[in-house]
Amino acid sequence: MGLAQTASPFVQVLTIPADLGEVGKVRSLVEKIGAASHLPPEQIFDIQVATSEACANAIEHGKSEVQVQLWRVQGQVIAEVSNVGEFRPRPRHEEQAAQRRLFLLRVVRHPADLAQAESF
């Protein structure tokens, strides 16, 4: 687990165990790549929040290691979070809090990115 070398200097891959304590490594990598892409600090923070939340959801529901891929493309940072764990739904009493977190993910993303993602 850890940071993998890729063929492109613009792609970074980080694999973390299913441990919420490891999500800080993802935030650090987002900060490094965001700074290298000359993004403003508030945009880096937004990407950190969204990526961290996606990782936390993958850990909570998949119970397997999580892979994060980050790309630098034309002054933008694109993040993909994935895992291969079996989906485990949360207890019903936790569902309302989870809906608030999903709303937060939608709020911190750039509106144009959200519209494009929802068109698939």
Protein backbone atom coordinates (compact mmCIF):
# COMPACT_ATOMS: atom_id res chain seq x y z
CA MET A 1 0.00 0.00 0.00
CA GLY A 2 1.07 3.54 -0.50
CA LEU A 3 1.98 5.82 -3.35
CA ALA A 4 2.46 3.99 -6.65
CA GLN A 5 4.64 5.09 -9.53
CA THR A 6 2.77 5.66 -12.78
CA ALA A 7 3.84 6.16 -16.37
CA SER A 8 2.66 9.78 -16.26
CA PRO A 9 4.08 12.41 -13.89
CA PHE A 10 0.61 13.94 -13.87
CA VAL A 11 -1.08 10.89 -12.29
CA GLN A 12 -0.58 9.84 -8.69
CA VAL A 13 -2.07 6.69 -7.21
CA LEU A 14 -2.36 6.17 -3.46
CA THR A 15 -3.71 3.02 -1.83
CA ILE A 16 -4.72 3.16 1.83
CA PRO A 17 -6.02 0.44 4.15
CA ALA A 18 -9.65 0.45 5.33
CA ASP A 19 -8.77 2.66 8.28
CA LEU A 20 -10.21 6.15 8.71
CA GLY A 21 -6.94 7.18 10.35
CA GLU A 22 -5.22 6.83 6.97
CA VAL A 23 -7.40 9.41 5.18
CA GLY A 24 -4.97 12.16 6.19
CA LYS A 25 -2.51 10.73 3.66
CA VAL A 26 -5.08 11.39 0.93
CA ARG A 27 -5.54 15.00 2.07
CA SER A 28 -1.76 15.50 2.03
CA LEU A 29 -1.48 14.14 -1.51
CA VAL A 30 -4.35 16.37 -2.69
CA GLU A 31 -2.59 19.37 -1.15
CA LYS A 32 0.70 18.49 -2.88
CA ILE A 33 -0.93 18.02 -6.29
CA GLY A 34 -3.18 21.05 -5.89
CA ALA A 35 -0.19 23.25 -5.05
CA ALA A 36 1.77 21.85 -8.02
CA SER A 37 -1.24 22.74 -10.20
CA HIS A 38 -1.25 26.30 -8.77
CA LEU A 39 -4.81 25.97 -7.45
CA PRO A 40 -5.96 28.52 -4.87
CA PRO A 41 -5.95 27.23 -1.27
CA GLU A 42 -9.76 27.30 -0.99
CA GLN A 43 -10.11 25.08 -4.06
CA ILE A 44 -7.50 22.66 -2.71
CA PHE A 45 -9.46 22.53 0.55
CA ASP A 46 -12.70 21.77 -1.34
CA ILE A 47 -11.03 18.89 -3.19
CA GLN A 48 -9.58 17.60 0.09
CA VAL A 49 -13.02 17.59 1.72
CA ALA A 50 -14.73 15.85 -1.19
CA THR A 51 -11.96 13.27 -1.64
CA SER A 52 -11.74 12.57 2.10
CA GLU A 53 -15.49 12.05 2.31
CA ALA A 54 -15.46 9.70 -0.67
CA CYS A 55 -12.64 7.72 0.99
CA ALA A 56 -14.52 7.58 4.29
CA ASN A 57 -17.61 6.28 2.48
CA ALA A 58 -15.54 3.63 0.69
CA ILE A 59 -14.00 2.54 3.99
CA GLU A 60 -17.33 2.53 5.83
CA HIS A 61 -19.25 0.63 3.18
CA GLY A 62 -16.60 -1.46 1.47
CA LYS A 63 -14.37 -2.51 4.35
CA SER A 64 -11.45 -2.94 1.94
CA GLU A 65 -8.41 -0.91 0.97
CA VAL A 66 -9.15 2.25 -1.00
CA GLN A 67 -7.37 3.45 -4.12
CA VAL A 68 -7.19 7.15 -4.91
CA GLN A 69 -6.03 8.36 -8.32
CA LEU A 70 -5.30 12.03 -8.83
CA TRP A 71 -4.66 13.65 -12.21
CA ARG A 72 -3.30 17.06 -13.08
CA VAL A 73 -4.95 18.19 -16.31
CA GLN A 74 -4.76 21.73 -17.67
CA GLY A 75 -4.58 23.40 -14.27
CA GLN A 76 -7.25 21.16 -12.76
CA VAL A 77 -7.10 18.24 -10.34
CA ILE A 78 -9.33 15.24 -10.96
CA ALA A 79 -9.79 12.63 -8.23
CA GLU A 80 -11.12 9.07 -8.49
CA VAL A 81 -11.77 7.01 -5.37
CA SER A 82 -12.44 3.29 -5.66
CA ASN A 83 -12.36 0.02 -3.77
CA VAL A 84 -13.34 -3.57 -4.41
CA GLY A 85 -15.08 -4.32 -1.13
CA GLU A 86 -18.57 -5.71 -0.88
CA PHE A 87 -21.15 -2.98 -0.22
CA ARG A 88 -22.39 -2.94 3.37
CA PRO A 89 -25.38 -0.67 4.00
CA ARG A 90 -25.42 1.36 7.19
CA PRO A 91 -28.05 0.94 9.91
CA ARG A 92 -31.21 2.96 9.23
CA HIS A 93 -30.64 5.37 12.15
CA GLU A 94 -27.39 6.55 10.53
CA GLU A 95 -28.97 7.26 7.15
CA GLN A 96 -29.95 10.90 7.85
CA ALA A 97 -26.37 11.85 8.80
CA ALA A 98 -25.12 10.15 5.65
CA GLN A 99 -27.50 12.16 3.49
CA ARG A 100 -26.04 15.36 4.96
CA ARG A 101 -22.53 14.18 4.03
CA LEU A 102 -23.62 13.46 0.45
CA PHE A 103 -25.08 16.96 0.23
CA LEU A 104 -21.73 18.33 1.44
CA LEU A 105 -19.95 16.46 -1.35
CA ARG A 106 -22.24 18.08 -3.88
CA VAL A 107 -21.81 21.54 -2.40
CA VAL A 108 -18.01 21.60 -2.40
CA ARG A 109 -17.66 20.40 -5.97
CA HIS A 110 -17.56 23.00 -8.71
CA PRO A 111 -21.11 23.32 -10.17
CA ALA A 112 -19.89 22.73 -13.74
CA ASP A 113 -18.14 19.51 -12.69
CA LEU A 114 -21.27 18.31 -10.92
CA ALA A 115 -23.44 18.98 -13.98
CA GLN A 116 -20.99 17.11 -16.19
CA ALA A 117 -20.77 14.14 -13.78
CA GLU A 118 -24.55 13.86 -13.55
CA SER A 119 -24.88 13.72 -17.34
CA PHE A 120 -23.32 10.22 -17.53
